[in-house]
Amino acid sequence: MAQEVDTQVLIMSQLEMIEYSYDVTITNKNDICRWIISATHNSHEVLTVALALNNWVAVNKGGHLNIPRNTVEQIIAATVGRW
C-alpha cells in the first residue's frame, strides 16, 4: 500500500509538472494515475510513461485536456510494452 501511495505521488507530480510546463489543466489526472499504476511495475516505467505523456501534451496542448483512456493505453503499450 505504501509503495502504491509513493507511485501515486510520483505520477501526480509528473502530471502537475506537465500542466505547469504547458499551461494546461489535465482534467482526468486521477484516472490517468490509476491507469498508469495498474500497468507499471516500477518508477522507471512510470517516468517513461510520463515522458511520453509530456510529449503527447506538447503536441495536443489546449486549456483543459481530458486525455482519453485509449491514448494513455497506447502510450503505455508503446513505452513499457503492456496493457
N, C-alpha and C. Protein backbone atom coordinates (compact mmCIF):
# COMPACT_ATOMS: atom_id res chain seq x y z
N MET A 1 0.81 -1.20 0.00
CA MET A 1 0.00 0.00 0.00
C MET A 1 0.86 1.26 0.00
N ALA A 2 1.91 1.29 0.83
CA ALA A 2 2.77 2.46 0.89
C ALA A 2 3.45 2.71 -0.44
N GLN A 3 3.86 1.62 -1.11
CA GLN A 3 4.51 1.77 -2.41
C GLN A 3 3.53 2.35 -3.43
N GLU A 4 2.27 1.93 -3.38
CA GLU A 4 1.27 2.47 -4.30
C GLU A 4 1.05 3.95 -4.05
N VAL A 5 1.06 4.37 -2.79
CA VAL A 5 0.91 5.79 -2.46
C VAL A 5 2.10 6.57 -3.01
N ASP A 6 3.32 6.03 -2.84
CA ASP A 6 4.51 6.69 -3.38
C ASP A 6 4.42 6.80 -4.90
N THR A 7 3.96 5.75 -5.55
CA THR A 7 3.81 5.77 -7.00
C THR A 7 2.77 6.79 -7.42
N GLN A 8 1.68 6.86 -6.68
CA GLN A 8 0.64 7.84 -6.98
C GLN A 8 1.18 9.26 -6.85
N VAL A 9 1.95 9.52 -5.82
CA VAL A 9 2.55 10.85 -5.62
C VAL A 9 3.50 11.17 -6.78
N LEU A 10 4.29 10.19 -7.20
CA LEU A 10 5.21 10.38 -8.32
C LEU A 10 4.44 10.73 -9.60
N ILE A 11 3.41 9.97 -9.88
CA ILE A 11 2.63 10.21 -11.11
C ILE A 11 1.95 11.57 -11.06
N MET A 12 1.32 11.89 -9.94
CA MET A 12 0.64 13.18 -9.83
C MET A 12 1.62 14.33 -9.97
N SER A 13 2.80 14.19 -9.40
CA SER A 13 3.79 15.27 -9.52
C SER A 13 4.24 15.43 -10.98
N GLN A 14 4.37 14.33 -11.69
CA GLN A 14 4.73 14.40 -13.11
C GLN A 14 3.62 15.07 -13.92
N LEU A 15 2.37 14.70 -13.64
CA LEU A 15 1.25 15.31 -14.36
C LEU A 15 1.14 16.80 -14.05
N GLU A 16 1.38 17.18 -12.80
CA GLU A 16 1.35 18.59 -12.44
C GLU A 16 2.48 19.36 -13.10
N MET A 17 3.64 18.74 -13.24
CA MET A 17 4.76 19.37 -13.94
C MET A 17 4.40 19.59 -15.41
N ILE A 18 3.74 18.62 -16.01
CA ILE A 18 3.29 18.77 -17.40
C ILE A 18 2.30 19.93 -17.51
N GLU A 19 1.36 19.99 -16.58
CA GLU A 19 0.39 21.10 -16.59
C GLU A 19 1.11 22.45 -16.50
N TYR A 20 2.04 22.54 -15.59
CA TYR A 20 2.78 23.79 -15.39
C TYR A 20 3.59 24.15 -16.64
N SER A 21 4.23 23.16 -17.23
CA SER A 21 5.10 23.41 -18.39
C SER A 21 4.33 23.94 -19.60
N TYR A 22 3.11 23.47 -19.79
CA TYR A 22 2.35 23.83 -20.98
C TYR A 22 1.13 24.70 -20.68
N ASP A 23 1.00 25.13 -19.43
CA ASP A 23 -0.12 25.98 -19.01
C ASP A 23 -1.46 25.35 -19.42
N VAL A 24 -1.63 24.09 -19.04
CA VAL A 24 -2.86 23.35 -19.31
C VAL A 24 -3.38 22.78 -17.99
N THR A 25 -4.60 22.33 -18.03
CA THR A 25 -5.18 21.59 -16.92
C THR A 25 -5.60 20.22 -17.44
N ILE A 26 -5.03 19.18 -16.85
CA ILE A 26 -5.42 17.81 -17.21
C ILE A 26 -6.58 17.45 -16.30
N THR A 27 -7.76 17.31 -16.88
CA THR A 27 -8.98 17.17 -16.08
C THR A 27 -9.18 15.78 -15.52
N ASN A 28 -8.48 14.80 -16.03
CA ASN A 28 -8.67 13.43 -15.56
C ASN A 28 -7.38 12.84 -14.98
N LYS A 29 -6.67 13.64 -14.19
CA LYS A 29 -5.40 13.18 -13.60
C LYS A 29 -5.60 11.93 -12.73
N ASN A 30 -6.66 11.87 -11.95
CA ASN A 30 -6.88 10.71 -11.08
C ASN A 30 -7.06 9.43 -11.89
N ASP A 31 -7.80 9.51 -12.98
CA ASP A 31 -7.97 8.34 -13.85
C ASP A 31 -6.64 7.92 -14.46
N ILE A 32 -5.90 8.88 -14.98
CA ILE A 32 -4.61 8.59 -15.59
C ILE A 32 -3.69 7.93 -14.57
N CYS A 33 -3.70 8.45 -13.37
CA CYS A 33 -2.87 7.90 -12.30
C CYS A 33 -3.21 6.43 -12.07
N ARG A 34 -4.49 6.11 -11.97
CA ARG A 34 -4.91 4.71 -11.77
C ARG A 34 -4.47 3.82 -12.93
N TRP A 35 -4.63 4.32 -14.15
CA TRP A 35 -4.26 3.53 -15.32
C TRP A 35 -2.76 3.24 -15.33
N ILE A 36 -1.97 4.23 -15.01
CA ILE A 36 -0.52 4.04 -15.01
C ILE A 36 -0.11 3.08 -13.90
N ILE A 37 -0.68 3.25 -12.72
CA ILE A 37 -0.37 2.34 -11.61
C ILE A 37 -0.69 0.90 -11.98
N SER A 38 -1.82 0.68 -12.64
CA SER A 38 -2.23 -0.69 -12.96
C SER A 38 -1.34 -1.34 -14.02
N ALA A 39 -0.59 -0.53 -14.78
CA ALA A 39 0.18 -1.09 -15.89
C ALA A 39 1.69 -1.06 -15.68
N THR A 40 2.16 -0.42 -14.62
CA THR A 40 3.60 -0.29 -14.43
C THR A 40 4.05 -1.06 -13.19
N HIS A 41 5.35 -1.37 -13.17
CA HIS A 41 5.90 -2.15 -12.06
C HIS A 41 6.96 -1.42 -11.25
N ASN A 42 7.45 -0.29 -11.74
CA ASN A 42 8.50 0.43 -11.01
C ASN A 42 8.54 1.89 -11.45
N SER A 43 9.34 2.67 -10.75
CA SER A 43 9.39 4.10 -11.03
C SER A 43 9.99 4.40 -12.40
N HIS A 44 10.88 3.55 -12.87
CA HIS A 44 11.44 3.76 -14.21
C HIS A 44 10.34 3.69 -15.27
N GLU A 45 9.47 2.71 -15.16
CA GLU A 45 8.36 2.60 -16.11
C GLU A 45 7.41 3.79 -15.98
N VAL A 46 7.13 4.20 -14.75
CA VAL A 46 6.26 5.36 -14.53
C VAL A 46 6.84 6.60 -15.21
N LEU A 47 8.12 6.83 -15.02
CA LEU A 47 8.75 8.01 -15.62
C LEU A 47 8.81 7.92 -17.13
N THR A 48 8.95 6.72 -17.67
CA THR A 48 8.95 6.54 -19.12
C THR A 48 7.58 6.90 -19.69
N VAL A 49 6.53 6.44 -19.04
CA VAL A 49 5.16 6.77 -19.47
C VAL A 49 4.92 8.28 -19.33
N ALA A 50 5.37 8.87 -18.23
CA ALA A 50 5.17 10.31 -18.00
C ALA A 50 5.88 11.13 -19.08
N LEU A 51 7.07 10.72 -19.48
CA LEU A 51 7.79 11.44 -20.54
C LEU A 51 7.02 11.37 -21.85
N ALA A 52 6.47 10.21 -22.16
CA ALA A 52 5.67 10.07 -23.38
C ALA A 52 4.40 10.91 -23.30
N LEU A 53 3.77 10.95 -22.12
CA LEU A 53 2.59 11.81 -21.94
C LEU A 53 2.96 13.28 -22.11
N ASN A 54 4.13 13.65 -21.61
CA ASN A 54 4.61 15.02 -21.77
C ASN A 54 4.69 15.37 -23.25
N ASN A 55 5.23 14.47 -24.05
CA ASN A 55 5.34 14.72 -25.48
C ASN A 55 3.97 14.82 -26.14
N TRP A 56 3.05 13.96 -25.70
CA TRP A 56 1.69 13.99 -26.26
C TRP A 56 1.03 15.34 -25.95
N VAL A 57 1.16 15.80 -24.72
CA VAL A 57 0.57 17.08 -24.33
C VAL A 57 1.21 18.22 -25.11
N ALA A 58 2.51 18.17 -25.33
CA ALA A 58 3.19 19.21 -26.08
C ALA A 58 2.59 19.39 -27.48
N VAL A 59 2.19 18.27 -28.08
CA VAL A 59 1.62 18.32 -29.42
C VAL A 59 0.13 18.67 -29.38
N ASN A 60 -0.57 18.23 -28.34
CA ASN A 60 -2.03 18.36 -28.28
C ASN A 60 -2.50 19.39 -27.24
N LYS A 61 -1.63 20.28 -26.86
CA LYS A 61 -1.96 21.18 -25.76
C LYS A 61 -3.15 22.07 -26.07
N GLY A 62 -3.86 22.39 -25.01
CA GLY A 62 -5.00 23.27 -25.04
C GLY A 62 -5.32 23.62 -23.60
N GLY A 63 -6.24 24.48 -23.34
CA GLY A 63 -6.53 24.93 -21.98
C GLY A 63 -6.86 23.81 -21.01
N HIS A 64 -7.86 23.03 -21.32
CA HIS A 64 -8.27 21.91 -20.48
C HIS A 64 -8.19 20.64 -21.32
N LEU A 65 -7.43 19.68 -20.83
CA LEU A 65 -7.25 18.43 -21.55
C LEU A 65 -7.85 17.27 -20.78
N ASN A 66 -8.62 16.48 -21.46
CA ASN A 66 -9.07 15.20 -20.93
C ASN A 66 -8.41 14.17 -21.82
N ILE A 67 -7.35 13.56 -21.31
CA ILE A 67 -6.58 12.62 -22.12
C ILE A 67 -7.35 11.30 -22.16
N PRO A 68 -7.77 10.86 -23.34
CA PRO A 68 -8.58 9.66 -23.45
C PRO A 68 -7.84 8.41 -22.96
N ARG A 69 -8.61 7.49 -22.40
CA ARG A 69 -8.02 6.25 -21.89
C ARG A 69 -7.26 5.50 -22.99
N ASN A 70 -7.84 5.44 -24.18
CA ASN A 70 -7.16 4.71 -25.25
C ASN A 70 -5.82 5.35 -25.61
N THR A 71 -5.70 6.65 -25.47
CA THR A 71 -4.42 7.33 -25.71
C THR A 71 -3.41 6.92 -24.66
N VAL A 72 -3.82 6.91 -23.40
CA VAL A 72 -2.93 6.50 -22.31
C VAL A 72 -2.54 5.04 -22.49
N GLU A 73 -3.48 4.19 -22.86
CA GLU A 73 -3.19 2.77 -23.08
C GLU A 73 -2.19 2.59 -24.22
N GLN A 74 -2.33 3.36 -25.30
CA GLN A 74 -1.39 3.27 -26.41
C GLN A 74 0.01 3.71 -25.98
N ILE A 75 0.07 4.77 -25.19
CA ILE A 75 1.36 5.25 -24.70
C ILE A 75 2.00 4.19 -23.80
N ILE A 76 1.22 3.61 -22.91
CA ILE A 76 1.76 2.57 -22.03
C ILE A 76 2.24 1.38 -22.85
N ALA A 77 1.45 0.95 -23.81
CA ALA A 77 1.83 -0.20 -24.64
C ALA A 77 3.11 0.09 -25.42
N ALA A 78 3.25 1.32 -25.91
CA ALA A 78 4.41 1.67 -26.72
C ALA A 78 5.67 1.86 -25.86
N THR A 79 5.52 2.23 -24.60
CA THR A 79 6.69 2.54 -23.78
C THR A 79 7.11 1.40 -22.88
N VAL A 80 6.16 0.73 -22.25
CA VAL A 80 6.52 -0.36 -21.33
C VAL A 80 6.06 -1.72 -21.83
N GLY A 81 5.41 -1.72 -23.01
CA GLY A 81 5.09 -2.98 -23.67
C GLY A 81 3.95 -3.78 -23.08
N ARG A 82 3.11 -3.14 -22.32
CA ARG A 82 1.97 -3.90 -21.79
C ARG A 82 0.76 -2.99 -21.68
N TRP A 83 -0.35 -3.62 -21.73
CA TRP A 83 -1.63 -3.06 -21.32
C TRP A 83 -2.62 -4.17 -21.32
